[in-house]
Amino acid sequence: MIVVPDALIAAQSTYNGAAGRAFVAALPGLASRFLAEWGLRLDGPVMYGMCALVLPVVRESDAVPAALKLQLVDEETVGEPVALRAWGAAGAGAVGVLVDDPGAGALLLERLDERRPLSGTADVREAVGVLGAVLARLAAVPAPDGLRTLGGAVERMLAAAPETVGRLADAAERRLLADCAAAVREVAGEPGDRLLHWDLHYDNVLAGRADAGRAGEWVALDPKPLAGDPGFELFPALVNLFDPGEVVWRFDALTEALGMERDRGRARAWTLGRVLQNAVWAVAGGERELAPDHAEIARRLLVR
């Protein structure tokens, strides 16, 4: 019997309500089903994030190490196997899919070295460089048909922007968020068509394993894919391992890695769009102020 970690139960209840509680209640049975159907045996303690349970396993037919990922299917996760296969076909440096059941939210993935996340790199600037190279490989791939789009997200966030701005308690933050919305409006007509990860931060890049032919390679995992402009990808790398003094340096390094150094205005606008998107969600949940690190990122990009 698989024991679902308390932190995953709490996260699913908080963010997905009744659907999240139903998902975690079904997880032990779901795990048992796919361990049997796909001929897997457990090979270590369970791992988890906010959205998924991950079981290290070995495929009994050929002793291949793998990872069984079980997650709630929603608009953010439904495209994950499609995106991973598109990146895999292009050799773009994402984790490989061995088999999946999209309706159940089950994926059997290649095993990476969970002991070596990019976030553990001692030199953060080196980690930024690695992440920029990974982003460039991912964003070079055109988005397959049927994924959610940045254009749709932009329509929703701009529609919600006036109310979101008005509900912030601080006048300076209201002006700051209004400036973010104005920047997004300037680029909204060209949302882009690249295959985006959306959540590529330093814990979503792991070292590959030698037994999978990935020795020395850094591999992306856990995408929430959408079709859009690569400039929309930069925010997680700025806010994760946050350092206010490094915001502009990281932004410049990432835009250079993506080949956007001559179009940093567009990249800046899409990064401010992530601040706006997060503010819309936070204010809808009852917040009346911007997250301090998000606000600092916006301020530093707006004054450069």
C-alpha atoms as a PDB file:
ATOM      1  CA  MET A   1       0.000   0.000   0.000  1.00  0.00           C
ATOM      2  CA  ILE A   2       1.321   3.427  -1.007  1.00  0.00           C
ATOM      3  CA  VAL A   3       1.122   6.058   1.739  1.00  0.00           C
ATOM      4  CA  VAL A   4       0.360   9.512   0.325  1.00  0.00           C
ATOM      5  CA  PRO A   5       2.528  12.194   2.002  1.00  0.00           C
ATOM      6  CA  ASP A   6       0.658  14.663   4.192  1.00  0.00           C
ATOM      7  CA  ALA A   7       2.157  17.638   2.343  1.00  0.00           C
ATOM      8  CA  LEU A   8       0.722  16.440  -0.971  1.00  0.00           C
ATOM      9  CA  ILE A   9      -2.676  15.887   0.641  1.00  0.00           C
ATOM     10  CA  ALA A  10      -2.617  19.416   2.063  1.00  0.00           C
ATOM     11  CA  ALA A  11      -1.502  21.000  -1.226  1.00  0.00           C
ATOM     12  CA  GLN A  12      -4.184  19.239  -3.239  1.00  0.00           C
ATOM     13  CA  SER A  13      -6.881  20.196  -0.739  1.00  0.00           C
ATOM     14  CA  THR A  14      -5.750  23.831  -0.723  1.00  0.00           C
ATOM     15  CA  TYR A  15      -5.345  24.324  -4.460  1.00  0.00           C
ATOM     16  CA  ASN A  16      -7.830  21.871  -5.984  1.00  0.00           C
ATOM     17  CA  GLY A  17     -10.510  21.525  -3.311  1.00  0.00           C
ATOM     18  CA  ALA A  18     -12.857  18.559  -3.665  1.00  0.00           C
ATOM     19  CA  ALA A  19     -11.162  17.397  -6.877  1.00  0.00           C
ATOM     20  CA  GLY A  20      -7.784  17.388  -5.117  1.00  0.00           C
ATOM     21  CA  ARG A  21      -9.132  15.447  -2.149  1.00  0.00           C
ATOM     22  CA  ALA A  22     -10.690  12.878  -4.471  1.00  0.00           C
ATOM     23  CA  PHE A  23      -7.398  12.581  -6.346  1.00  0.00           C
ATOM     24  CA  VAL A  24      -5.300  11.865  -3.249  1.00  0.00           C
ATOM     25  CA  ALA A  25      -7.910   9.429  -1.940  1.00  0.00           C
ATOM     26  CA  ALA A  26      -7.619   7.471  -5.187  1.00  0.00           C
ATOM     27  CA  LEU A  27      -3.811   7.544  -5.332  1.00  0.00           C
ATOM     28  CA  PRO A  28      -3.053   4.265  -3.481  1.00  0.00           C
ATOM     29  CA  GLY A  29      -5.386   2.341  -5.784  1.00  0.00           C
ATOM     30  CA  LEU A  30      -4.070   4.150  -8.849  1.00  0.00           C
ATOM     31  CA  ALA A  31      -0.486   3.343  -7.888  1.00  0.00           C
ATOM     32  CA  SER A  32      -1.305  -0.338  -7.349  1.00  0.00           C
ATOM     33  CA  ARG A  33      -3.096  -0.481 -10.702  1.00  0.00           C
ATOM     34  CA  PHE A  34      -0.198   0.865 -12.743  1.00  0.00           C
ATOM     35  CA  LEU A  35       2.466  -1.041 -10.844  1.00  0.00           C
ATOM     36  CA  ALA A  36       0.606  -4.187 -11.905  1.00  0.00           C
ATOM     37  CA  GLU A  37      -0.425  -3.133 -15.436  1.00  0.00           C
ATOM     38  CA  TRP A  38       3.008  -1.873 -16.439  1.00  0.00           C
ATOM     39  CA  GLY A  39       4.961  -4.618 -14.661  1.00  0.00           C
ATOM     40  CA  LEU A  40       6.772  -2.408 -12.171  1.00  0.00           C
ATOM     41  CA  ARG A  41       8.239  -2.899  -8.734  1.00  0.00           C
ATOM     42  CA  LEU A  42       9.008  -0.172  -6.236  1.00  0.00           C
ATOM     43  CA  ASP A  43      12.649   0.846  -5.983  1.00  0.00           C
ATOM     44  CA  GLY A  44      12.806   3.468  -3.251  1.00  0.00           C
ATOM     45  CA  PRO A  45      10.774   5.928  -1.169  1.00  0.00           C
ATOM     46  CA  VAL A  46       7.969   7.933  -2.738  1.00  0.00           C
ATOM     47  CA  MET A  47       8.654  11.465  -3.938  1.00  0.00           C
ATOM     48  CA  TYR A  48       6.183  14.266  -4.456  1.00  0.00           C
ATOM     49  CA  GLY A  49       5.629  17.895  -5.360  1.00  0.00           C
ATOM     50  CA  MET A  50       2.572  20.089  -5.091  1.00  0.00           C
ATOM     51  CA  CYS A  51       0.824  18.332  -7.975  1.00  0.00           C
ATOM     52  CA  ALA A  52       2.097  14.777  -8.314  1.00  0.00           C
ATOM     53  CA  LEU A  53       3.196  11.600  -6.590  1.00  0.00           C
ATOM     54  CA  VAL A  54       6.327  10.007  -8.066  1.00  0.00           C
ATOM     55  CA  LEU A  55       7.369   6.422  -7.376  1.00  0.00           C
ATOM     56  CA  PRO A  56      10.880   5.230  -8.252  1.00  0.00           C
ATOM     57  CA  VAL A  57      10.386   1.872  -9.933  1.00  0.00           C
ATOM     58  CA  VAL A  58      12.135  -0.817 -11.960  1.00  0.00           C
ATOM     59  CA  ARG A  59      10.467  -2.377 -14.978  1.00  0.00           C
ATOM     60  CA  GLU A  60      10.408  -6.097 -14.286  1.00  0.00           C
ATOM     61  CA  SER A  61      10.657  -7.131 -17.955  1.00  0.00           C
ATOM     62  CA  ASP A  62      14.081  -5.589 -18.521  1.00  0.00           C
ATOM     63  CA  ALA A  63      15.227  -4.125 -15.159  1.00  0.00           C
ATOM     64  CA  VAL A  64      15.122  -0.574 -16.561  1.00  0.00           C
ATOM     65  CA  PRO A  65      14.921   2.054 -13.776  1.00  0.00           C
ATOM     66  CA  ALA A  66      12.006   4.446 -14.251  1.00  0.00           C
ATOM     67  CA  ALA A  67       9.713   6.825 -12.406  1.00  0.00           C
ATOM     68  CA  LEU A  68       5.936   6.398 -12.179  1.00  0.00           C
ATOM     69  CA  LYS A  69       4.320   9.824 -12.028  1.00  0.00           C
ATOM     70  CA  LEU A  70       0.669  10.152 -10.988  1.00  0.00           C
ATOM     71  CA  GLN A  71      -1.051  13.527 -11.174  1.00  0.00           C
ATOM     72  CA  LEU A  72      -4.448  15.154 -11.350  1.00  0.00           C
ATOM     73  CA  VAL A  73      -5.382  15.849 -14.966  1.00  0.00           C
ATOM     74  CA  ASP A  74      -6.207  19.517 -15.487  1.00  0.00           C
ATOM     75  CA  GLU A  75      -5.539  22.207 -18.088  1.00  0.00           C
ATOM     76  CA  GLU A  76      -1.934  22.578 -16.953  1.00  0.00           C
ATOM     77  CA  THR A  77      -1.013  18.885 -16.867  1.00  0.00           C
ATOM     78  CA  VAL A  78      -3.059  17.393 -19.700  1.00  0.00           C
ATOM     79  CA  GLY A  79      -0.469  18.363 -22.326  1.00  0.00           C
ATOM     80  CA  GLU A  80       2.583  17.011 -20.475  1.00  0.00           C
ATOM     81  CA  PRO A  81       3.007  13.708 -22.384  1.00  0.00           C
ATOM     82  CA  VAL A  82       2.398  15.479 -25.711  1.00  0.00           C
ATOM     83  CA  ALA A  83       5.065  18.074 -24.913  1.00  0.00           C
ATOM     84  CA  LEU A  84       7.579  15.561 -23.599  1.00  0.00           C
ATOM     85  CA  ARG A  85       7.231  13.426 -26.710  1.00  0.00           C
ATOM     86  CA  ALA A  86       7.630  16.454 -28.984  1.00  0.00           C
ATOM     87  CA  TRP A  87      10.800  17.457 -27.145  1.00  0.00           C
ATOM     88  CA  GLY A  88      12.008  13.865 -27.194  1.00  0.00           C
ATOM     89  CA  ALA A  89      11.540  13.578 -30.947  1.00  0.00           C
ATOM     90  CA  ALA A  90      13.581  16.772 -31.366  1.00  0.00           C
ATOM     91  CA  GLY A  91      16.309  15.699 -28.945  1.00  0.00           C
ATOM     92  CA  ALA A  92      15.587  18.813 -26.906  1.00  0.00           C
ATOM     93  CA  GLY A  93      16.721  17.649 -23.473  1.00  0.00           C
ATOM     94  CA  ALA A  94      13.483  16.787 -21.664  1.00  0.00           C
ATOM     95  CA  VAL A  95      12.785  13.673 -19.633  1.00  0.00           C
ATOM     96  CA  GLY A  96      11.715  10.706 -21.762  1.00  0.00           C
ATOM     97  CA  VAL A  97       8.270   9.098 -21.692  1.00  0.00           C
ATOM     98  CA  LEU A  98       8.266   5.280 -21.700  1.00  0.00           C
ATOM     99  CA  VAL A  99       4.480   4.845 -21.599  1.00  0.00           C
ATOM    100  CA  ASP A 100       1.518   6.894 -20.428  1.00  0.00           C
ATOM    101  CA  ASP A 101      -2.212   6.783 -19.748  1.00  0.00           C
ATOM    102  CA  PRO A 102      -3.383  10.366 -20.373  1.00  0.00           C
ATOM    103  CA  GLY A 103      -6.887   9.867 -19.023  1.00  0.00           C
ATOM    104  CA  ALA A 104      -5.606   8.613 -15.681  1.00  0.00           C
ATOM    105  CA  GLY A 105      -2.769  11.127 -15.409  1.00  0.00           C
ATOM    106  CA  ALA A 106      -0.159   8.347 -15.255  1.00  0.00           C
ATOM    107  CA  LEU A 107       3.261   8.562 -16.904  1.00  0.00           C
ATOM    108  CA  LEU A 108       6.158   6.169 -16.785  1.00  0.00           C
ATOM    109  CA  LEU A 109       9.229   8.349 -17.229  1.00  0.00           C
ATOM    110  CA  GLU A 110      12.929   7.730 -17.559  1.00  0.00           C
ATOM    111  CA  ARG A 111      14.642   7.846 -14.172  1.00  0.00           C
ATOM    112  CA  LEU A 112      16.791  10.898 -13.504  1.00  0.00           C
ATOM    113  CA  ASP A 113      19.140  11.510 -10.573  1.00  0.00           C
ATOM    114  CA  GLU A 114      16.818  13.097  -8.004  1.00  0.00           C
ATOM    115  CA  ARG A 115      19.834  13.636  -5.726  1.00  0.00           C
ATOM    116  CA  ARG A 116      21.265  16.175  -8.175  1.00  0.00           C
ATOM    117  CA  PRO A 117      18.861  19.037  -8.926  1.00  0.00           C
ATOM    118  CA  LEU A 118      20.289  22.087 -10.657  1.00  0.00           C
ATOM    119  CA  SER A 119      19.349  24.073  -7.536  1.00  0.00           C
ATOM    120  CA  GLY A 120      22.183  22.301  -5.733  1.00  0.00           C
ATOM    121  CA  THR A 121      24.839  23.886  -7.939  1.00  0.00           C
ATOM    122  CA  ALA A 122      27.121  25.936  -5.698  1.00  0.00           C
ATOM    123  CA  ASP A 123      27.563  28.754  -8.227  1.00  0.00           C
ATOM    124  CA  VAL A 124      24.121  30.183  -8.951  1.00  0.00           C
ATOM    125  CA  ARG A 125      25.359  32.023 -12.037  1.00  0.00           C
ATOM    126  CA  GLU A 126      26.566  28.700 -13.396  1.00  0.00           C
ATOM    127  CA  ALA A 127      23.088  27.282 -12.718  1.00  0.00           C
ATOM    128  CA  VAL A 128      21.524  30.190 -14.598  1.00  0.00           C
ATOM    129  CA  GLY A 129      23.744  29.426 -17.562  1.00  0.00           C
ATOM    130  CA  VAL A 130      22.713  25.770 -17.537  1.00  0.00           C
ATOM    131  CA  LEU A 131      19.044  26.632 -17.269  1.00  0.00           C
ATOM    132  CA  GLY A 132      19.347  29.132 -20.117  1.00  0.00           C
ATOM    133  CA  ALA A 133      20.848  26.443 -22.352  1.00  0.00           C
ATOM    134  CA  VAL A 134      18.041  24.032 -21.432  1.00  0.00           C
ATOM    135  CA  LEU A 135      15.426  26.701 -22.132  1.00  0.00           C
ATOM    136  CA  ALA A 136      16.932  27.431 -25.533  1.00  0.00           C
ATOM    137  CA  ARG A 137      16.698  23.772 -26.559  1.00  0.00           C
ATOM    138  CA  LEU A 138      13.107  23.459 -25.388  1.00  0.00           C
ATOM    139  CA  ALA A 139      11.905  26.716 -26.932  1.00  0.00           C
ATOM    140  CA  ALA A 140      13.393  25.826 -30.332  1.00  0.00           C
ATOM    141  CA  VAL A 141      10.615  23.258 -30.779  1.00  0.00           C
ATOM    142  CA  PRO A 142       7.298  24.388 -32.301  1.00  0.00           C
ATOM    143  CA  ALA A 143       4.254  23.676 -30.170  1.00  0.00           C
ATOM    144  CA  PRO A 144       2.092  20.729 -31.263  1.00  0.00           C
ATOM    145  CA  ASP A 145      -1.553  21.439 -32.025  1.00  0.00           C
ATOM    146  CA  GLY A 146      -4.068  21.261 -29.212  1.00  0.00           C
ATOM    147  CA  LEU A 147      -2.062  22.712 -26.321  1.00  0.00           C
ATOM    148  CA  ARG A 148      -3.285  25.641 -24.272  1.00  0.00           C
ATOM    149  CA  THR A 149      -1.985  28.927 -25.628  1.00  0.00           C
ATOM    150  CA  LEU A 150      -0.364  32.035 -24.263  1.00  0.00           C
ATOM    151  CA  GLY A 151      -2.869  34.032 -26.307  1.00  0.00           C
ATOM    152  CA  GLY A 152      -5.718  32.579 -24.258  1.00  0.00           C
ATOM    153  CA  ALA A 153      -3.906  33.267 -21.002  1.00  0.00           C
ATOM    154  CA  VAL A 154      -3.244  36.860 -22.049  1.00  0.00           C
ATOM    155  CA  GLU A 155      -6.905  37.490 -22.800  1.00  0.00           C
ATOM    156  CA  ARG A 156      -7.867  36.271 -19.332  1.00  0.00           C
ATOM    157  CA  MET A 157      -5.199  38.187 -17.426  1.00  0.00           C
ATOM    158  CA  LEU A 158      -5.848  41.462 -19.245  1.00  0.00           C
ATOM    159  CA  ALA A 159      -9.579  41.104 -18.711  1.00  0.00           C
ATOM    160  CA  ALA A 160      -8.951  40.637 -14.980  1.00  0.00           C
ATOM    161  CA  ALA A 161      -6.246  43.319 -14.712  1.00  0.00           C
ATOM    162  CA  PRO A 162      -8.404  46.387 -13.888  1.00  0.00           C
ATOM    163  CA  GLU A 163     -10.167  44.658 -11.001  1.00  0.00           C
ATOM    164  CA  THR A 164      -6.911  43.103  -9.777  1.00  0.00           C
ATOM    165  CA  VAL A 165      -5.141  46.475  -9.784  1.00  0.00           C
ATOM    166  CA  GLY A 166      -8.048  48.106  -7.983  1.00  0.00           C
ATOM    167  CA  ARG A 167      -8.067  45.560  -5.170  1.00  0.00           C
ATOM    168  CA  LEU A 168      -4.419  46.076  -4.208  1.00  0.00           C
ATOM    169  CA  ALA A 169      -4.124  48.004  -0.964  1.00  0.00           C
ATOM    170  CA  ASP A 170      -0.978  50.003  -1.785  1.00  0.00           C
ATOM    171  CA  ALA A 171      -1.084  52.822  -4.343  1.00  0.00           C
ATOM    172  CA  ALA A 172       2.508  52.214  -5.481  1.00  0.00           C
ATOM    173  CA  GLU A 173       1.737  48.556  -6.112  1.00  0.00           C
ATOM    174  CA  ARG A 174      -1.380  49.538  -8.044  1.00  0.00           C
ATOM    175  CA  ARG A 175       0.751  51.718 -10.317  1.00  0.00           C
ATOM    176  CA  LEU A 176       3.366  48.970 -10.668  1.00  0.00           C
ATOM    177  CA  LEU A 177       0.823  46.350 -11.689  1.00  0.00           C
ATOM    178  CA  ALA A 178      -0.872  48.779 -14.071  1.00  0.00           C
ATOM    179  CA  ASP A 179       2.522  49.251 -15.744  1.00  0.00           C
ATOM    180  CA  CYS A 180       2.857  45.462 -16.056  1.00  0.00           C
ATOM    181  CA  ALA A 181      -0.552  45.278 -17.724  1.00  0.00           C
ATOM    182  CA  ALA A 182       0.364  48.093 -20.104  1.00  0.00           C
ATOM    183  CA  ALA A 183       3.536  46.257 -21.128  1.00  0.00           C
ATOM    184  CA  VAL A 184       1.582  43.062 -21.807  1.00  0.00           C
ATOM    185  CA  ARG A 185      -0.939  44.919 -23.973  1.00  0.00           C
ATOM    186  CA  GLU A 186       1.917  46.021 -26.249  1.00  0.00           C
ATOM    187  CA  VAL A 187       2.874  42.414 -27.092  1.00  0.00           C
ATOM    188  CA  ALA A 188      -0.499  40.679 -26.723  1.00  0.00           C
ATOM    189  CA  GLY A 189      -1.060  40.577 -30.478  1.00  0.00           C
ATOM    190  CA  GLU A 190       1.949  38.295 -31.025  1.00  0.00           C
ATOM    191  CA  PRO A 191       1.731  35.548 -28.385  1.00  0.00           C
ATOM    192  CA  GLY A 192       4.106  33.169 -30.207  1.00  0.00           C
ATOM    193  CA  ASP A 193       4.046  29.515 -31.207  1.00  0.00           C
ATOM    194  CA  ARG A 194       6.985  27.833 -29.430  1.00  0.00           C
ATOM    195  CA  LEU A 195       6.566  24.882 -27.083  1.00  0.00           C
ATOM    196  CA  LEU A 196       6.977  26.386 -23.611  1.00  0.00           C
ATOM    197  CA  HIS A 197       7.663  24.598 -20.333  1.00  0.00           C
ATOM    198  CA  TRP A 198       6.112  27.412 -18.219  1.00  0.00           C
ATOM    199  CA  ASP A 199       7.680  26.274 -14.929  1.00  0.00           C
ATOM    200  CA  LEU A 200      11.372  25.756 -15.627  1.00  0.00           C
ATOM    201  CA  HIS A 201      13.109  26.610 -12.365  1.00  0.00           C
ATOM    202  CA  TYR A 202      16.229  25.089 -10.853  1.00  0.00           C
ATOM    203  CA  ASP A 203      14.452  22.198  -9.115  1.00  0.00           C
ATOM    204  CA  ASN A 204      12.813  21.147 -12.391  1.00  0.00           C
ATOM    205  CA  VAL A 205      16.185  20.377 -13.969  1.00  0.00           C
ATOM    206  CA  LEU A 206      17.884  17.181 -12.803  1.00  0.00           C
ATOM    207  CA  ALA A 207      21.089  15.425 -13.758  1.00  0.00           C
ATOM    208  CA  GLY A 208      20.708  12.552 -16.175  1.00  0.00           C
ATOM    209  CA  ARG A 209      21.797   9.024 -15.337  1.00  0.00           C
ATOM    210  CA  ALA A 210      24.632   7.141 -16.987  1.00  0.00           C
ATOM    211  CA  ASP A 211      22.507   3.972 -17.257  1.00  0.00           C
ATOM    212  CA  ALA A 212      20.069   5.938 -19.435  1.00  0.00           C
ATOM    213  CA  GLY A 213      22.819   7.354 -21.657  1.00  0.00           C
ATOM    214  CA  ARG A 214      22.463  10.806 -20.069  1.00  0.00           C
ATOM    215  CA  ALA A 215      25.729  11.103 -18.160  1.00  0.00           C
ATOM    216  CA  GLY A 216      26.767  14.749 -17.904  1.00  0.00           C
ATOM    217  CA  GLU A 217      23.425  16.024 -19.208  1.00  0.00           C
ATOM    218  CA  TRP A 218      20.957  18.306 -17.438  1.00  0.00           C
ATOM    219  CA  VAL A 219      17.357  17.259 -18.150  1.00  0.00           C
ATOM    220  CA  ALA A 220      14.104  19.212 -17.821  1.00  0.00           C
ATOM    221  CA  LEU A 221      11.025  17.681 -16.246  1.00  0.00           C
ATOM    222  CA  ASP A 222       7.567  18.552 -14.924  1.00  0.00           C
ATOM    223  CA  PRO A 223       6.367  20.952 -17.643  1.00  0.00           C
ATOM    224  CA  LYS A 224       3.008  22.725 -17.627  1.00  0.00           C
ATOM    225  CA  PRO A 225       3.167  23.180 -21.389  1.00  0.00           C
ATOM    226  CA  LEU A 226       1.648  25.844 -23.583  1.00  0.00           C
ATOM    227  CA  ALA A 227       2.250  27.417 -26.965  1.00  0.00           C
ATOM    228  CA  GLY A 228       3.723  30.888 -26.811  1.00  0.00           C
ATOM    229  CA  ASP A 229       6.628  33.328 -26.833  1.00  0.00           C
ATOM    230  CA  PRO A 230       9.909  32.200 -25.188  1.00  0.00           C
ATOM    231  CA  GLY A 231       9.986  35.481 -23.251  1.00  0.00           C
ATOM    232  CA  PHE A 232       7.211  34.050 -21.084  1.00  0.00           C
ATOM    233  CA  GLU A 233       9.668  31.418 -19.812  1.00  0.00           C
ATOM    234  CA  LEU A 234      12.092  33.652 -17.899  1.00  0.00           C
ATOM    235  CA  PHE A 235      10.200  34.445 -14.702  1.00  0.00           C
ATOM    236  CA  PRO A 236      10.712  31.124 -12.839  1.00  0.00           C
ATOM    237  CA  ALA A 237      14.485  31.460 -13.208  1.00  0.00           C
ATOM    238  CA  LEU A 238      14.332  34.975 -11.751  1.00  0.00           C
ATOM    239  CA  VAL A 239      12.094  34.236  -8.779  1.00  0.00           C
ATOM    240  CA  ASN A 240      13.517  30.821  -7.829  1.00  0.00           C
ATOM    241  CA  LEU A 241      16.702  31.176  -5.717  1.00  0.00           C
ATOM    242  CA  PHE A 242      15.702  34.837  -5.633  1.00  0.00           C
ATOM    243  CA  ASP A 243      18.389  37.482  -5.350  1.00  0.00           C
ATOM    244  CA  PRO A 244      17.260  41.070  -6.032  1.00  0.00           C
ATOM    245  CA  GLY A 245      20.730  42.166  -7.057  1.00  0.00           C
ATOM    246  CA  GLU A 246      20.904  39.443  -9.707  1.00  0.00           C
ATOM    247  CA  VAL A 247      17.534  40.048 -11.407  1.00  0.00           C
ATOM    248  CA  VAL A 248      18.861  42.131 -14.292  1.00  0.00           C
ATOM    249  CA  TRP A 249      21.977  39.975 -14.753  1.00  0.00           C
ATOM    250  CA  ARG A 250      19.890  36.809 -14.909  1.00  0.00           C
ATOM    251  CA  PHE A 251      17.388  38.416 -17.284  1.00  0.00           C
ATOM    252  CA  ASP A 252      20.188  39.456 -19.641  1.00  0.00           C
ATOM    253  CA  ALA A 253      21.868  36.040 -19.464  1.00  0.00           C
ATOM    254  CA  LEU A 254      18.623  34.212 -20.200  1.00  0.00           C
ATOM    255  CA  THR A 255      17.588  36.452 -23.075  1.00  0.00           C
ATOM    256  CA  GLU A 256      21.038  35.997 -24.594  1.00  0.00           C
ATOM    257  CA  ALA A 257      20.729  32.213 -24.273  1.00  0.00           C
ATOM    258  CA  LEU A 258      17.364  32.369 -26.042  1.00  0.00           C
ATOM    259  CA  GLY A 259      18.679  34.627 -28.792  1.00  0.00           C
ATOM    260  CA  MET A 260      16.464  37.488 -27.599  1.00  0.00           C
ATOM    261  CA  GLU A 261      19.219  39.942 -26.647  1.00  0.00           C
ATOM    262  CA  ARG A 262      18.149  42.281 -29.465  1.00  0.00           C
ATOM    263  CA  ASP A 263      14.506  42.054 -28.465  1.00  0.00           C
ATOM    264  CA  ARG A 264      14.716  42.401 -24.716  1.00  0.00           C
ATOM    265  CA  GLY A 265      11.740  44.756 -24.691  1.00  0.00           C
ATOM    266  CA  ARG A 266       9.460  41.910 -25.726  1.00  0.00           C
ATOM    267  CA  ALA A 267      11.064  39.521 -23.251  1.00  0.00           C
ATOM    268  CA  ARG A 268      10.644  42.114 -20.507  1.00  0.00           C
ATOM    269  CA  ALA A 269       6.958  42.583 -21.378  1.00  0.00           C
ATOM    270  CA  TRP A 270       6.283  38.851 -21.205  1.00  0.00           C
ATOM    271  CA  THR A 271       8.163  38.572 -17.908  1.00  0.00           C
ATOM    272  CA  LEU A 272       6.009  41.377 -16.507  1.00  0.00           C
ATOM    273  CA  GLY A 273       3.089  39.329 -17.788  1.00  0.00           C
ATOM    274  CA  ARG A 274       4.053  36.573 -15.376  1.00  0.00           C
ATOM    275  CA  VAL A 275       3.942  39.106 -12.528  1.00  0.00           C
ATOM    276  CA  LEU A 276       0.476  40.118 -13.697  1.00  0.00           C
ATOM    277  CA  GLN A 277      -0.693  36.526 -14.061  1.00  0.00           C
ATOM    278  CA  ASN A 278       0.433  35.645 -10.545  1.00  0.00           C
ATOM    279  CA  ALA A 279      -1.178  38.792  -9.141  1.00  0.00           C
ATOM    280  CA  VAL A 280      -4.499  37.932 -10.791  1.00  0.00           C
ATOM    281  CA  TRP A 281      -4.455  34.508  -9.143  1.00  0.00           C
ATOM    282  CA  ALA A 282      -3.340  35.856  -5.745  1.00  0.00           C
ATOM    283  CA  VAL A 283      -5.920  38.637  -5.600  1.00  0.00           C
ATOM    284  CA  ALA A 284      -8.668  36.234  -6.666  1.00  0.00           C
ATOM    285  CA  GLY A 285      -7.640  34.158  -3.643  1.00  0.00           C
ATOM    286  CA  GLY A 286      -8.015  37.100  -1.270  1.00  0.00           C
ATOM    287  CA  GLU A 287      -4.568  38.722  -1.269  1.00  0.00           C
ATOM    288  CA  ARG A 288      -4.340  42.521  -1.377  1.00  0.00           C
ATOM    289  CA  GLU A 289      -0.630  42.940  -2.000  1.00  0.00           C
ATOM    290  CA  LEU A 290       1.933  41.684  -4.475  1.00  0.00           C
ATOM    291  CA  ALA A 291       4.428  39.029  -3.480  1.00  0.00           C
ATOM    292  CA  PRO A 292       7.522  41.063  -2.499  1.00  0.00           C
ATOM    293  CA  ASP A 293       9.913  39.200  -4.804  1.00  0.00           C
ATOM    294  CA  HIS A 294       7.482  39.495  -7.740  1.00  0.00           C
ATOM    295  CA  ALA A 295       7.139  43.228  -7.150  1.00  0.00           C
ATOM    296  CA  GLU A 296      10.919  43.627  -6.969  1.00  0.00           C
ATOM    297  CA  ILE A 297      11.393  41.807 -10.275  1.00  0.00           C
ATOM    298  CA  ALA A 298       8.840  44.133 -11.917  1.00  0.00           C
ATOM    299  CA  ARG A 299      10.459  47.253 -10.470  1.00  0.00           C
ATOM    300  CA  ARG A 300      13.945  46.311 -11.598  1.00  0.00           C
ATOM    301  CA  LEU A 301      12.859  45.409 -15.130  1.00  0.00           C
ATOM    302  CA  LEU A 302      10.707  48.515 -15.539  1.00  0.00           C
ATOM    303  CA  VAL A 303      13.492  50.946 -14.635  1.00  0.00           C
ATOM    304  CA  ARG A 304      16.332  49.434 -16.687  1.00  0.00           C
END
